[in-house]
Structure formats: structure tokens, C-alpha cells
Protein backbone atom coordinates (compact mmCIF):
# COMPACT_ATOMS: atom_id res chain seq x y z
CA MET A 1 8.76 -2.97 7.59
CA PHE A 2 9.52 -3.87 11.18
CA PRO A 3 8.19 -6.29 13.80
CA ALA A 4 5.54 -5.03 16.20
CA SER A 5 6.78 -5.03 19.76
CA GLY A 6 5.38 -4.77 23.25
CA GLY A 7 4.55 -1.61 25.14
CA SER A 8 1.57 0.66 25.20
CA SER A 9 -0.31 1.37 21.98
CA SER A 10 0.04 5.14 22.37
CA ARG A 11 3.80 4.88 22.85
CA ARG A 12 4.20 2.72 19.75
CA GLN A 13 2.14 5.20 17.72
CA LEU A 14 4.49 8.00 18.70
CA CYS A 15 7.63 6.00 17.98
CA TRP A 16 6.69 4.35 14.66
CA PRO A 17 7.49 7.01 12.05
CA VAL A 18 10.48 9.00 13.29
CA PRO A 19 13.31 6.41 12.96
CA LEU A 20 12.15 5.45 9.46
CA PHE A 21 12.48 9.01 8.18
CA GLU A 22 16.19 9.34 8.88
CA ARG A 23 17.36 7.52 5.72
CA PRO A 24 14.92 9.29 3.31
CA LEU A 25 15.94 12.62 4.83
CA GLN A 26 19.54 11.81 3.93
CA ASP A 27 18.43 11.48 0.30
CA ILE A 28 17.24 15.10 0.23
CA ASN A 29 20.66 16.39 1.26
CA GLY A 30 20.00 16.37 4.98
CA GLN A 31 18.04 19.63 4.78
CA VAL A 32 15.64 18.55 7.51
CA ASP A 33 16.48 17.35 10.99
CA PRO A 34 14.33 14.27 11.83
CA ARG A 35 13.89 15.65 15.35
CA SER A 36 12.11 18.69 13.93
CA LEU A 37 9.34 16.68 12.29
CA LYS A 38 5.78 17.55 13.29
CA PHE A 39 2.66 15.56 12.45
CA LYS A 40 -0.96 16.40 11.75
CA LYS A 41 -4.08 14.69 10.38
CA ASN A 42 -6.05 15.65 7.29
CA ILE A 43 -9.82 16.00 7.36
CA HIS A 44 -10.23 12.24 6.93
CA GLY A 45 -7.79 11.40 9.73
CA LYS A 46 -4.74 10.42 7.63
CA PRO A 47 -1.47 11.31 9.44
CA GLU A 48 0.73 13.72 7.52
CA LEU A 49 3.91 15.70 8.05
CA GLU A 50 3.42 19.35 8.87
CA TRP A 51 5.85 21.64 7.04
CA ASN A 52 4.41 25.11 7.69
CA ASP A 53 6.90 26.01 10.43
CA ASN A 54 9.87 24.31 8.78
CA PRO A 55 12.55 26.74 7.55
CA CYS A 56 13.30 24.48 4.54
CA GLN A 57 10.06 25.08 2.67
CA SER A 58 11.85 24.54 -0.65
CA ALA A 59 13.04 21.08 0.37
CA SER A 60 11.47 18.00 -1.16
CA ARG A 61 8.51 16.92 0.94
CA LEU A 62 8.42 13.51 2.54
CA GLN A 63 5.10 11.71 2.48
CA PHE A 64 4.34 8.54 4.38
CA ASN A 65 1.70 6.02 5.30
CA ILE A 66 1.54 3.28 7.93
CA SER A 67 -0.26 -0.03 8.29
CA HIS A 68 0.13 -2.83 10.82
CA THR A 69 -1.00 -6.26 11.94
CA SER A 70 -0.38 -7.98 15.25
CA SER A 71 3.14 -8.98 14.20
CA LEU A 72 4.37 -6.50 11.56
CA ILE A 73 4.33 -2.76 11.00
CA LEU A 74 4.71 -1.34 7.49
CA CYS A 75 5.75 2.26 6.86
CA GLY A 76 6.02 3.56 3.30
CA VAL A 77 7.99 6.77 2.75
CA THR A 78 8.25 8.72 -0.51
CA VAL A 79 9.57 12.08 -1.67
CA ASP A 80 7.07 14.42 -3.37
CA SER A 81 4.58 11.63 -4.14
CA PRO A 82 1.39 10.70 -2.27
CA ILE A 83 1.52 7.12 -0.98
CA GLY A 84 -0.84 4.63 0.60
CA VAL A 85 0.15 1.25 2.05
CA ASP A 86 -1.76 -1.63 3.55
CA LEU A 87 -0.60 -4.81 5.25
CA GLU A 88 -2.77 -7.90 5.73
CA GLU A 89 -2.13 -11.43 6.95
CA LYS A 90 -2.36 -13.95 4.11
CA GLN A 91 -4.47 -16.23 6.30
CA ARG A 92 -6.76 -13.45 7.47
CA LYS A 93 -9.91 -15.02 8.88
CA LEU A 94 -13.38 -13.86 7.90
CA LYS A 95 -16.53 -14.31 9.94
CA ASN A 96 -18.67 -14.61 6.82
CA ASP A 97 -18.43 -16.47 3.54
CA ILE A 98 -15.92 -14.78 1.22
CA LEU A 99 -18.42 -14.08 -1.55
CA ALA A 100 -21.03 -12.79 0.90
CA PHE A 101 -18.42 -10.44 2.34
CA ALA A 102 -17.31 -9.40 -1.15
CA ARG A 103 -20.88 -8.61 -2.23
CA ARG A 104 -21.16 -6.25 0.72
CA TYR A 105 -17.98 -4.27 0.01
CA PHE A 106 -16.71 -5.01 -3.50
CA THR A 107 -17.89 -4.03 -6.97
CA PRO A 108 -19.85 -6.45 -9.19
CA HIS A 109 -16.75 -6.88 -11.38
CA GLU A 110 -14.64 -7.94 -8.39
CA VAL A 111 -17.35 -10.26 -7.08
CA LYS A 112 -17.60 -11.88 -10.53
CA PHE A 113 -13.81 -12.30 -10.61
CA LEU A 114 -13.76 -14.00 -7.19
CA SER A 115 -16.76 -16.17 -8.12
CA SER A 116 -14.83 -17.50 -11.12
CA ILE A 117 -12.17 -19.01 -8.83
CA SER A 118 -13.14 -22.57 -7.93
CA ASP A 119 -10.30 -23.31 -5.52
CA PRO A 120 -11.31 -21.99 -2.03
CA GLY A 121 -7.70 -21.37 -1.03
CA VAL A 122 -6.90 -19.37 -4.16
CA GLN A 123 -10.20 -17.49 -3.84
CA HIS A 124 -9.31 -16.49 -0.29
CA GLN A 125 -5.85 -15.45 -1.50
CA TYR A 126 -7.25 -13.09 -4.11
CA PHE A 127 -9.85 -11.68 -1.76
CA VAL A 128 -7.07 -10.62 0.63
CA LYS A 129 -5.04 -9.20 -2.27
CA LEU A 130 -7.99 -7.14 -3.51
CA TRP A 131 -8.77 -5.84 -0.03
CA THR A 132 -5.13 -4.89 0.53
CA LEU A 133 -4.88 -3.07 -2.81
CA LYS A 134 -8.16 -1.21 -2.26
CA GLU A 135 -7.02 -0.10 1.20
CA SER A 136 -3.75 1.24 -0.21
CA TYR A 137 -5.64 3.24 -2.88
CA VAL A 138 -8.04 5.02 -0.53
CA LYS A 139 -5.15 5.75 1.84
CA ALA A 140 -3.02 7.19 -0.99
CA LEU A 141 -5.91 9.50 -1.84
CA GLY A 142 -5.98 10.54 1.80
CA ARG A 143 -9.65 9.64 2.13
CA GLY A 144 -9.73 6.24 3.80
CA PHE A 145 -12.58 3.72 3.77
CA SER A 146 -15.16 6.17 5.15
CA GLY A 147 -14.24 8.82 2.59
CA LEU A 148 -14.27 6.49 -0.41
CA PRO A 149 -16.28 3.26 -0.01
CA PHE A 150 -14.76 0.25 -1.73
CA LYS A 151 -17.79 -0.10 -4.01
CA MET A 152 -16.90 3.19 -5.70
CA PHE A 153 -13.92 1.76 -7.60
CA THR A 154 -12.74 -1.58 -8.92
CA ILE A 155 -9.28 -3.16 -8.92
CA GLN A 156 -8.28 -5.30 -11.89
CA PHE A 157 -5.31 -7.57 -12.51
CA GLY A 158 -4.09 -7.13 -16.08
CA ASN A 159 -3.54 -10.83 -16.76
CA ALA A 160 -6.94 -11.72 -15.34
CA GLU A 161 -8.58 -9.57 -18.00
CA LYS A 162 -6.72 -11.54 -20.65
CA GLY A 163 -7.69 -14.89 -19.19
CA ASP A 164 -4.10 -15.79 -18.30
CA SER A 165 -2.87 -17.84 -15.34
CA CYS A 166 -3.90 -15.20 -12.81
CA ILE A 167 -6.60 -17.37 -11.25
CA SER A 168 -4.93 -20.74 -11.61
CA GLY A 169 -3.07 -20.52 -8.33
CA GLU A 170 0.06 -18.79 -9.58
CA THR A 171 0.93 -15.76 -7.43
CA ASN A 172 3.82 -14.18 -9.30
CA ASN A 173 2.28 -13.17 -12.60
CA GLU A 174 -0.55 -10.74 -11.90
CA GLY A 175 0.36 -8.35 -14.68
CA GLU A 176 -0.36 -4.65 -14.37
CA ILE A 177 -2.70 -3.69 -11.54
CA ILE A 178 -5.15 -0.96 -12.48
CA VAL A 179 -7.97 0.90 -10.75
CA LYS A 180 -11.19 2.05 -12.41
CA SER A 181 -13.29 4.63 -10.61
CA LEU A 182 -17.07 4.29 -10.62
CA GLU A 183 -17.41 7.63 -8.84
CA HIS A 184 -16.44 9.90 -11.75
CA VAL A 185 -16.29 8.84 -15.38
CA ASN A 186 -13.41 11.22 -16.08
CA SER A 187 -11.50 10.45 -12.91
CA VAL A 188 -7.71 10.64 -12.52
CA SER A 189 -7.46 7.05 -11.32
CA SER A 190 -5.03 6.32 -14.17
CA ASN A 191 -2.53 8.54 -12.37
CA TRP A 192 -1.90 5.84 -9.78
CA GLN A 193 0.36 2.80 -9.81
CA PHE A 194 0.42 -0.25 -7.55
CA ALA A 195 2.83 -2.80 -6.21
CA LEU A 196 1.82 -6.00 -4.45
CA LEU A 197 4.36 -7.83 -2.30
CA GLU A 198 4.58 -10.87 -0.10
CA LEU A 199 6.41 -10.14 3.15
CA ALA A 200 7.97 -12.63 5.54
CA GLY A 201 6.01 -15.41 3.84
CA SER A 202 2.96 -14.51 5.91
CA HIS A 203 1.66 -11.13 4.75
CA TYR A 204 0.54 -9.28 1.64
CA ALA A 205 1.59 -5.65 1.35
CA ALA A 206 0.10 -3.25 -1.19
CA ILE A 207 1.65 0.06 -2.16
CA CYS A 208 -0.14 2.75 -4.15
CA MET A 209 1.73 5.81 -5.43
CA GLU A 210 0.98 8.65 -7.77
CA LYS A 211 2.73 8.25 -11.11
CA ASP A 212 5.58 10.57 -12.04
CA GLU A 213 4.27 13.30 -14.36
CA ALA A 214 7.40 12.90 -16.44
CA VAL A 215 6.23 9.52 -17.73
CA GLU A 216 2.67 10.60 -18.51
CA GLY A 217 1.67 9.52 -21.99
CA ARG A 218 4.46 6.97 -22.20
CA VAL A 219 4.86 3.39 -21.04
CA PRO A 220 4.59 3.56 -17.22
CA THR A 221 7.90 3.35 -15.41
CA PRO A 222 7.88 0.53 -12.83
CA MET A 223 7.81 1.69 -9.26
CA LYS A 224 11.27 1.82 -7.70
CA LEU A 225 11.19 0.37 -4.24
CA THR A 226 13.66 -0.33 -1.46
CA VAL A 227 12.47 -2.72 1.25
CA ARG A 228 14.16 -2.57 4.63
CA LYS A 229 13.53 -4.62 7.76
CA THR A 230 13.91 -2.43 10.81
CA ILE A 231 13.86 -2.71 14.57
CA PRO A 232 13.95 0.98 15.53
CA TYR A 233 17.27 2.09 17.04
CA MET A 234 18.55 -1.51 16.95
CA ARG A 235 18.73 -2.93 13.43
CA ASP A 236 18.16 -1.78 9.87
CA GLU A 237 18.78 -4.14 6.96
CA PHE A 238 17.94 -4.41 3.28
CA ILE A 239 15.90 -7.52 2.56
CA SER A 240 15.13 -9.53 -0.56
CA GLY A 241 14.47 -13.12 -1.56
CA PRO A 242 11.94 -15.05 0.55
CA ASP A 243 11.58 -12.18 3.02
CA ALA A 244 10.21 -9.78 0.42
CA VAL A 245 8.76 -11.41 -2.70
CA VAL A 246 7.49 -9.03 -5.34
CA ILE A 247 4.25 -10.31 -6.81
CA SER A 248 3.35 -7.51 -9.20
CA GLY A 249 4.01 -3.92 -10.17
CA LEU A 250 7.80 -3.81 -9.82
CA THR A 251 10.83 -4.80 -11.86
């Protein structure tokens, strides 16, 4: 995560990823020089690293995803695991009524969940959370909103299904976040895990990653995550506490 700065949009787009890859590259024994990185887009437009011309084809492959608002940029980087991230302002404004907007884009289950929340502030909060999580999922799949409309899958908070305090205004006890595909009955949506964070007290960040095959069939291992606040080439610091509050999905 790092603050958005001035300058032309095209220049920022070129400069976003490269500094953030230096530390992950150190974790794979420095086999790849960050300056050698090349980028491409998949058929749905998702940026990816291009490895075809890299002499270290046996090296672990970095995967990344980027999201931004007017004040923050979020870049998620993993090794050998597809990832999708999304960043939204907690007070994101909507032109239409929340439920009207939800009926247009969300599944009936999600609309019913939002309709059950009587407090307008909490309802808005959960709408933004759902949108952020859904964005991270379609980006992890590499398909994006146009490739997988939001109505084709539903996001559920584990504690909400049990009738716990999920919709009472508490924001730190969501329980497990799961996705159910309406596109294919026998989909592999269970292969994905989520984390939902609050950043800088003003944003929600959702992270979606493919589960490690080693834990398949066993109790899911919580996602291991390191959050760093970065100003490229100037400052890089580990953050915790009020700057990065884990809401769900992590230890």
C-alpha cells in the first residue's frame, strides 16, 4: 500500500509495480533482477508478468494485482499463487439507493442480506465490503467485471449465515468469507480464500488468493500476509495497529 501522488497517469502506471517487487524477489533467492521484469495483459486486460524470455524459468513466479483510489494505491504480490485485490473508500458515495444498486449487480442472496440490515450506516458498510470482495475475486480469476458479472456468484460471511453479530454493527468478527458460484454447480470456487482489511481508517481492502494445494481436504490455513506502507524509492515500512486493521480471513 502506498499513497497516490501527483504526476501524469501514464507515468504512475509505469512506476507502480516495479519498486514493490524488489522485496518479494529477495524471497526467491534473488534469481530475478527487478529491472528485467516485463509486463503483459491477459485476454481480459489483467496485467501480468511475462516470463517467457527470462532465463530463470524454474524460479518461483511472482503474481500481482493492483487497485487504487484517489489517495491510496494497493499492490498485492504473491509467489506461485493467483491473487486479486481491490481497494475502496469506506465512505464511497453512490448515485442510487443502495438496495436499488445492489439489485442491479448483486445476487438475490446478497440483496436479501443487505435488506436485513436496518441501520443505513451499517448497510452501506457491508455494501462496500461485498463490492470490494467481489472485485478481488474476479480479478484473482483474471476475468474482471466484464468477464464474470457480479450476479454470477455470491459472497457470504460465515457468521452472517449463523445469525451472529455480523450485521449488528461489529466489524471485526465476520467469520470465514466464502464464495459460491452460480455459473457452474461443480465450480472450483472453494479453492479461493479471502482477507478483508481496513486500511488507514478510511479504506476497505479485499484480497483473494488461491488456496495452497497442500491444505486441501484439511482445515484451511489462514492467509499469511505482510502489509507494508511504501512511498516508492523513499520509504518502506511495516505497518500494523490502526493503520492496517484485519477484519476477517487472517490470524
